[in-house]
């Protein structure tokens, strides 16, 4: 699953993992949208609006909007 999420960028993968961990810990509920911000070692560069779900119910997690993510540029 991580490889599929990384196709959208490492920040998207991290956002989804953060949302699942927060749901697993009971810090967020699965009935409200959340803004999740993440990124790589260079700082926060990705923001997503999603409805979280615990890791045991990944199929219930819904990504509503990708607010920002780094552009994928071809190397010259």
N, C-alpha and C. Protein backbone atom coordinates (compact mmCIF):
# COMPACT_ATOMS: atom_id res chain seq x y z
N UNK A 1 0.83 -1.19 0.00
CA UNK A 1 0.00 0.00 0.00
C UNK A 1 0.87 1.25 0.00
N UNK A 2 1.98 1.20 0.73
CA UNK A 2 2.87 2.35 0.79
C UNK A 2 3.42 2.72 -0.57
N UNK A 3 3.72 1.72 -1.40
CA UNK A 3 4.23 1.99 -2.74
C UNK A 3 3.19 2.70 -3.60
N UNK A 4 1.94 2.30 -3.46
CA UNK A 4 0.87 2.95 -4.23
C UNK A 4 0.72 4.39 -3.79
N UNK A 5 0.72 4.63 -2.49
CA UNK A 5 0.56 6.00 -1.98
C UNK A 5 1.73 6.88 -2.39
N UNK A 6 2.93 6.31 -2.44
CA UNK A 6 4.11 7.09 -2.83
C UNK A 6 4.04 7.55 -4.28
N UNK A 7 3.21 6.91 -5.10
CA UNK A 7 3.01 7.36 -6.49
C UNK A 7 2.48 8.79 -6.50
N UNK A 8 1.74 9.17 -5.47
CA UNK A 8 1.21 10.52 -5.35
C UNK A 8 2.19 11.44 -4.63
N UNK A 9 3.25 10.90 -4.11
CA UNK A 9 4.25 11.67 -3.39
C UNK A 9 4.39 11.17 -1.96
N UNK A 10 5.57 11.32 -1.42
CA UNK A 10 5.83 10.84 -0.06
C UNK A 10 4.96 11.56 0.96
N UNK A 11 4.69 12.84 0.73
CA UNK A 11 3.87 13.61 1.67
C UNK A 11 2.45 13.07 1.78
N UNK A 12 1.87 12.61 0.66
CA UNK A 12 0.52 12.04 0.68
C UNK A 12 0.53 10.77 1.52
N UNK A 13 1.53 9.94 1.33
CA UNK A 13 1.65 8.72 2.13
C UNK A 13 1.72 9.06 3.61
N UNK A 14 2.53 10.03 3.96
CA UNK A 14 2.70 10.42 5.36
C UNK A 14 1.39 10.98 5.92
N UNK A 15 0.66 11.77 5.14
CA UNK A 15 -0.62 12.32 5.60
C UNK A 15 -1.59 11.19 5.95
N UNK A 16 -1.68 10.19 5.10
CA UNK A 16 -2.60 9.09 5.34
C UNK A 16 -2.15 8.28 6.55
N UNK A 17 -0.85 8.07 6.69
CA UNK A 17 -0.35 7.34 7.86
C UNK A 17 -0.62 8.11 9.15
N UNK A 18 -0.45 9.42 9.12
CA UNK A 18 -0.74 10.26 10.30
C UNK A 18 -2.20 10.15 10.68
N UNK A 19 -3.09 10.23 9.69
CA UNK A 19 -4.53 10.16 9.96
C UNK A 19 -4.90 8.80 10.56
N UNK A 20 -4.32 7.72 10.04
CA UNK A 20 -4.61 6.40 10.59
C UNK A 20 -4.09 6.25 12.01
N UNK A 21 -2.89 6.75 12.27
CA UNK A 21 -2.33 6.65 13.62
C UNK A 21 -3.16 7.47 14.61
N UNK A 22 -3.62 8.65 14.20
CA UNK A 22 -4.45 9.47 15.08
C UNK A 22 -5.78 8.78 15.36
N UNK A 23 -6.36 8.14 14.34
CA UNK A 23 -7.62 7.41 14.54
C UNK A 23 -7.39 6.19 15.43
N UNK A 24 -6.28 5.48 15.23
CA UNK A 24 -5.96 4.33 16.08
C UNK A 24 -5.84 4.74 17.54
N UNK A 25 -5.28 5.92 17.79
CA UNK A 25 -5.07 6.40 19.15
C UNK A 25 -6.32 7.05 19.74
N UNK A 26 -7.37 7.20 18.94
CA UNK A 26 -8.60 7.81 19.42
C UNK A 26 -8.55 9.33 19.48
N UNK A 27 -7.57 9.93 18.81
CA UNK A 27 -7.42 11.39 18.83
C UNK A 27 -8.33 12.09 17.83
N UNK A 28 -8.78 11.38 16.81
CA UNK A 28 -9.74 11.91 15.84
C UNK A 28 -10.81 10.85 15.62
N UNK A 29 -11.99 11.28 15.19
CA UNK A 29 -13.07 10.34 14.93
C UNK A 29 -13.25 10.17 13.42
N UNK A 30 -13.94 9.13 13.05
CA UNK A 30 -14.16 8.83 11.64
C UNK A 30 -15.40 9.50 11.08
N UNK A 31 -15.99 10.42 11.84
CA UNK A 31 -17.20 11.09 11.35
C UNK A 31 -16.99 12.57 11.05
N UNK A 32 -15.75 13.01 10.98
CA UNK A 32 -15.47 14.42 10.68
C UNK A 32 -14.23 14.53 9.80
N UNK A 33 -14.26 15.51 8.91
CA UNK A 33 -13.11 15.75 8.05
C UNK A 33 -11.98 16.41 8.85
N UNK A 34 -10.76 16.12 8.46
CA UNK A 34 -9.57 16.69 9.10
C UNK A 34 -8.65 17.26 8.04
N UNK A 35 -7.86 18.24 8.43
CA UNK A 35 -6.77 18.71 7.59
C UNK A 35 -5.49 18.09 8.15
N UNK A 36 -4.77 17.40 7.29
CA UNK A 36 -3.53 16.74 7.70
C UNK A 36 -2.38 17.36 6.91
N UNK A 37 -1.33 17.75 7.61
CA UNK A 37 -0.16 18.39 6.99
C UNK A 37 1.05 17.53 7.27
N UNK A 38 1.84 17.28 6.22
CA UNK A 38 3.03 16.44 6.37
C UNK A 38 4.05 16.86 5.33
N UNK A 39 5.12 16.11 5.27
CA UNK A 39 6.15 16.38 4.28
C UNK A 39 7.33 15.45 4.46
N UNK A 40 8.41 15.85 3.87
CA UNK A 40 9.62 15.06 3.93
C UNK A 40 10.59 15.71 4.92
N UNK A 41 11.84 15.34 4.84
CA UNK A 41 12.85 15.92 5.72
C UNK A 41 13.09 17.39 5.46
N UNK A 42 12.49 17.93 4.40
CA UNK A 42 12.69 19.34 4.05
C UNK A 42 11.59 20.24 4.59
N UNK A 43 10.67 19.69 5.36
CA UNK A 43 9.60 20.50 5.94
C UNK A 43 8.24 20.09 5.42
N UNK A 44 7.22 20.75 5.95
CA UNK A 44 5.84 20.44 5.56
C UNK A 44 5.58 21.00 4.17
N UNK A 45 5.22 20.12 3.24
CA UNK A 45 4.98 20.55 1.87
C UNK A 45 3.72 19.93 1.27
N UNK A 46 2.95 19.22 2.10
CA UNK A 46 1.76 18.53 1.61
C UNK A 46 0.63 18.75 2.61
N UNK A 47 -0.58 19.06 2.09
CA UNK A 47 -1.75 19.21 2.95
C UNK A 47 -2.93 18.52 2.27
N UNK A 48 -3.71 17.78 3.07
CA UNK A 48 -4.82 16.98 2.55
C UNK A 48 -6.02 17.16 3.47
N UNK A 49 -7.22 17.24 2.90
CA UNK A 49 -8.45 17.17 3.67
C UNK A 49 -8.97 15.76 3.51
N UNK A 50 -9.20 15.06 4.64
CA UNK A 50 -9.66 13.68 4.57
C UNK A 50 -10.55 13.35 5.75
N UNK A 51 -11.26 12.26 5.62
CA UNK A 51 -12.00 11.68 6.73
C UNK A 51 -11.19 10.48 7.19
N UNK A 52 -10.67 10.51 8.41
CA UNK A 52 -9.77 9.44 8.87
C UNK A 52 -10.50 8.14 9.17
N UNK A 53 -9.72 7.09 9.24
CA UNK A 53 -10.22 5.78 9.65
C UNK A 53 -9.06 5.06 10.32
N UNK A 54 -9.34 4.17 11.26
CA UNK A 54 -8.25 3.40 11.88
C UNK A 54 -7.60 2.46 10.86
N UNK A 55 -6.41 2.01 11.16
CA UNK A 55 -5.66 1.17 10.22
C UNK A 55 -6.37 -0.15 9.93
N UNK A 56 -7.24 -0.59 10.81
CA UNK A 56 -7.98 -1.83 10.57
C UNK A 56 -9.12 -1.64 9.57
N UNK A 57 -9.45 -0.36 9.27
CA UNK A 57 -10.52 -0.05 8.31
C UNK A 57 -10.02 0.95 7.27
N UNK A 58 -8.86 0.69 6.71
CA UNK A 58 -8.25 1.60 5.74
C UNK A 58 -9.20 1.94 4.60
N UNK A 59 -10.02 0.97 4.18
CA UNK A 59 -10.93 1.22 3.05
C UNK A 59 -11.97 2.29 3.36
N UNK A 60 -12.16 2.64 4.64
CA UNK A 60 -13.11 3.69 5.03
C UNK A 60 -12.48 5.08 5.03
N UNK A 61 -11.17 5.17 4.92
CA UNK A 61 -10.50 6.47 4.86
C UNK A 61 -10.81 7.10 3.51
N UNK A 62 -11.22 8.37 3.52
CA UNK A 62 -11.60 9.06 2.29
C UNK A 62 -10.79 10.33 2.15
N UNK A 63 -10.08 10.46 1.05
CA UNK A 63 -9.36 11.70 0.74
C UNK A 63 -10.31 12.58 -0.05
N UNK A 64 -10.62 13.77 0.48
CA UNK A 64 -11.55 14.69 -0.18
C UNK A 64 -10.82 15.66 -1.10
N UNK A 65 -9.74 16.21 -0.62
CA UNK A 65 -8.99 17.19 -1.42
C UNK A 65 -7.50 17.10 -1.10
N UNK A 66 -6.69 17.26 -2.13
CA UNK A 66 -5.26 17.47 -1.94
C UNK A 66 -5.05 18.97 -2.11
N UNK A 67 -4.78 19.63 -1.00
CA UNK A 67 -4.64 21.09 -1.03
C UNK A 67 -3.33 21.52 -1.67
N UNK A 68 -2.26 20.83 -1.33
CA UNK A 68 -0.97 21.13 -1.96
C UNK A 68 -0.05 19.95 -1.81
N UNK A 69 0.84 19.81 -2.78
CA UNK A 69 1.87 18.79 -2.75
C UNK A 69 2.99 19.27 -3.67
N UNK A 70 4.20 18.76 -3.48
CA UNK A 70 5.28 19.19 -4.34
C UNK A 70 5.04 18.78 -5.78
N UNK A 71 5.47 19.62 -6.69
CA UNK A 71 5.39 19.28 -8.12
C UNK A 71 6.45 18.24 -8.43
N UNK A 72 6.08 17.26 -9.24
CA UNK A 72 7.06 16.28 -9.69
C UNK A 72 7.67 16.80 -10.98
N UNK A 73 8.95 17.11 -10.93
CA UNK A 73 9.62 17.66 -12.09
C UNK A 73 10.57 16.63 -12.68
N UNK A 74 10.59 16.56 -14.00
CA UNK A 74 11.53 15.67 -14.67
C UNK A 74 12.94 16.26 -14.54
N UNK A 75 13.89 15.38 -14.24
CA UNK A 75 15.27 15.85 -14.11
C UNK A 75 15.88 16.01 -15.48
N UNK A 76 16.67 17.09 -15.66
CA UNK A 76 17.29 17.31 -16.97
C UNK A 76 18.68 16.79 -17.00
